[in-house]
Protein backbone atom coordinates (compact mmCIF):
# COMPACT_ATOMS: atom_id res chain seq x y z
CA UNK A 1 11.73 -100.05 9.48
CA UNK A 2 14.47 -97.67 8.65
CA UNK A 3 12.49 -95.03 11.93
CA UNK A 4 13.02 -98.21 13.92
CA UNK A 5 16.54 -98.57 13.15
CA UNK A 6 16.70 -94.58 13.49
CA UNK A 7 14.78 -94.54 16.77
CA UNK A 8 16.71 -98.16 18.21
CA UNK A 9 20.18 -97.01 20.36
CA UNK A 10 20.25 -93.75 19.07
CA UNK A 11 23.20 -93.59 21.40
CA UNK A 12 24.13 -95.08 17.79
CA UNK A 13 23.51 -92.07 15.36
CA UNK A 14 26.00 -90.26 16.54
CA UNK A 15 28.22 -87.63 14.07
CA UNK A 16 27.04 -86.33 10.96
CA UNK A 17 26.89 -89.02 7.85
CA UNK A 18 23.82 -91.33 7.75
CA UNK A 19 24.41 -93.53 5.29
CA UNK A 20 22.54 -95.84 3.59
CA UNK A 21 23.42 -99.57 1.46
CA UNK A 22 20.14 -100.29 -0.50
CA UNK A 23 21.39 -102.15 -2.37
CA UNK A 24 20.36 -106.24 -1.13
CA UNK A 25 16.85 -104.91 -1.10
CA UNK A 26 15.50 -106.26 -4.32
CA UNK A 27 13.38 -102.86 -4.30
CA UNK A 28 12.55 -101.08 -7.79
CA UNK A 29 13.75 -98.36 -7.92
CA UNK A 30 15.53 -97.63 -4.14
CA UNK A 31 16.89 -94.24 -6.03
CA UNK A 32 12.66 -92.80 -4.51
CA UNK A 33 13.42 -94.30 -0.70
CA UNK A 34 16.27 -92.30 -0.21
CA UNK A 35 14.75 -89.19 -1.92
CA UNK A 36 12.01 -89.47 0.17
CA UNK A 37 14.92 -90.04 3.25
CA UNK A 38 17.25 -87.21 2.30
CA UNK A 39 13.65 -84.97 2.23
CA UNK A 40 12.05 -85.96 5.96
CA UNK A 41 12.94 -83.68 8.66
CA UNK A 42 13.71 -86.52 11.57
CA UNK A 43 16.89 -87.46 9.67
CA UNK A 44 17.59 -82.90 8.88
CA UNK A 45 21.39 -83.09 11.25
CA UNK A 46 22.55 -85.68 9.75
CA UNK A 47 24.06 -85.66 6.19
CA UNK A 48 21.87 -89.09 3.97
CA UNK A 49 24.34 -90.93 2.06
CA UNK A 50 23.07 -93.83 -0.52
CA UNK A 51 26.64 -96.14 -0.29
CA UNK A 52 27.60 -98.86 1.07
CA UNK A 53 30.04 -100.00 4.05
CA UNK A 54 33.35 -101.29 1.43
CA UNK A 55 32.93 -97.87 -0.56
CA UNK A 56 32.16 -95.79 3.13
CA UNK A 57 36.03 -98.07 3.80
CA UNK A 58 37.39 -97.55 0.21
CA UNK A 59 36.75 -93.33 1.09
CA UNK A 60 38.11 -93.82 4.81
CA UNK A 61 35.73 -93.43 6.81
CA UNK A 62 35.56 -96.10 8.17
CA UNK A 63 38.97 -97.52 9.13
CA UNK A 64 38.69 -101.02 10.46
CA UNK A 65 36.26 -102.86 12.37
CA UNK A 66 37.04 -101.54 15.93
CA UNK A 67 37.96 -98.02 15.79
CA UNK A 68 34.39 -98.07 12.99
CA UNK A 69 33.01 -95.14 11.22
CA UNK A 70 34.09 -91.94 13.20
CA UNK A 71 31.60 -89.75 11.62
CA UNK A 72 28.38 -91.43 11.54
CA UNK A 73 26.03 -94.81 11.17
CA UNK A 74 24.97 -96.89 8.56
CA UNK A 75 22.03 -98.19 7.91
CA UNK A 76 22.23 -102.13 6.21
CA UNK A 77 19.08 -104.67 4.74
CA UNK A 78 19.90 -107.72 3.09
CA UNK A 79 17.69 -110.66 2.52
CA UNK A 80 15.10 -109.01 1.94
CA UNK A 81 11.97 -110.33 0.99
CA UNK A 82 9.12 -107.66 -1.03
CA UNK A 83 5.44 -108.11 -1.66
CA UNK A 84 2.73 -105.97 -2.13
CA UNK A 85 1.37 -106.16 1.19
CA UNK A 86 4.98 -107.29 3.85
CA UNK A 87 8.72 -106.61 3.46
CA UNK A 88 10.79 -108.80 5.39
CA UNK A 89 14.37 -108.25 6.14
CA UNK A 90 17.52 -108.73 8.30
CA UNK A 91 18.33 -105.12 8.85
CA UNK A 92 21.23 -103.70 10.83
CA UNK A 93 22.88 -100.58 12.28
CA UNK A 94 26.61 -99.81 12.34
CA UNK A 95 28.63 -97.73 14.22
CA UNK A 96 31.73 -100.07 14.57
CA UNK A 97 32.32 -103.88 16.16
CA UNK A 98 31.15 -102.73 19.52
CA UNK A 99 28.28 -100.10 18.46
CA UNK A 100 25.64 -102.08 16.63
CA UNK A 101 22.00 -103.39 16.20
CA UNK A 102 21.12 -106.39 14.32
CA UNK A 103 17.35 -107.98 13.67
CA UNK A 104 15.18 -109.74 11.36
CA UNK A 105 12.07 -106.88 10.19
CA UNK A 106 9.10 -107.56 8.90
CA UNK A 107 6.11 -104.35 7.71
CA UNK A 108 2.89 -105.21 6.92
CA UNK A 109 0.39 -103.06 5.05
CA UNK A 110 -2.80 -103.02 7.07
CA UNK A 111 -5.32 -100.03 7.30
CA UNK A 112 -3.32 -98.42 4.42
CA UNK A 113 -0.53 -97.60 6.36
CA UNK A 114 2.76 -100.55 7.20
CA UNK A 115 3.26 -102.13 10.49
CA UNK A 116 6.10 -102.79 11.65
CA UNK A 117 5.95 -106.27 13.59
CA UNK A 118 7.91 -107.23 16.59
CA UNK A 119 11.62 -107.75 15.44
CA UNK A 120 12.42 -110.68 16.17
CA UNK A 121 16.46 -111.71 16.28
CA UNK A 122 17.38 -108.84 17.98
CA UNK A 123 21.02 -108.78 18.95
CA UNK A 124 23.20 -105.36 20.24
CA UNK A 125 26.24 -105.05 20.17
């Protein structure tokens, strides 16, 4: 799911910060996923931050919706449903009010790998 968001509309991947909010996923150990992302060479050009939109705003990295996140982008998940063989969540990649993608994503464990279904409710701003 994260890689699909990262690759979709890659023009939003500017800046040096890749922030990800896993607080609404319901994952039993979100730190393990974050640590795996930190060691993934696909994201090595970014500084990864495990944070929320609110914390980025409080830190002054997001000024307002119009000017957005000047130094990076934020991937967020919400309304997650997790079973051993299926994960569904609302997901977004956000830079500003005019630079974002949104989708409902479902991944299924099949044949020893996670396979992403076709995204639903897909929108680009």
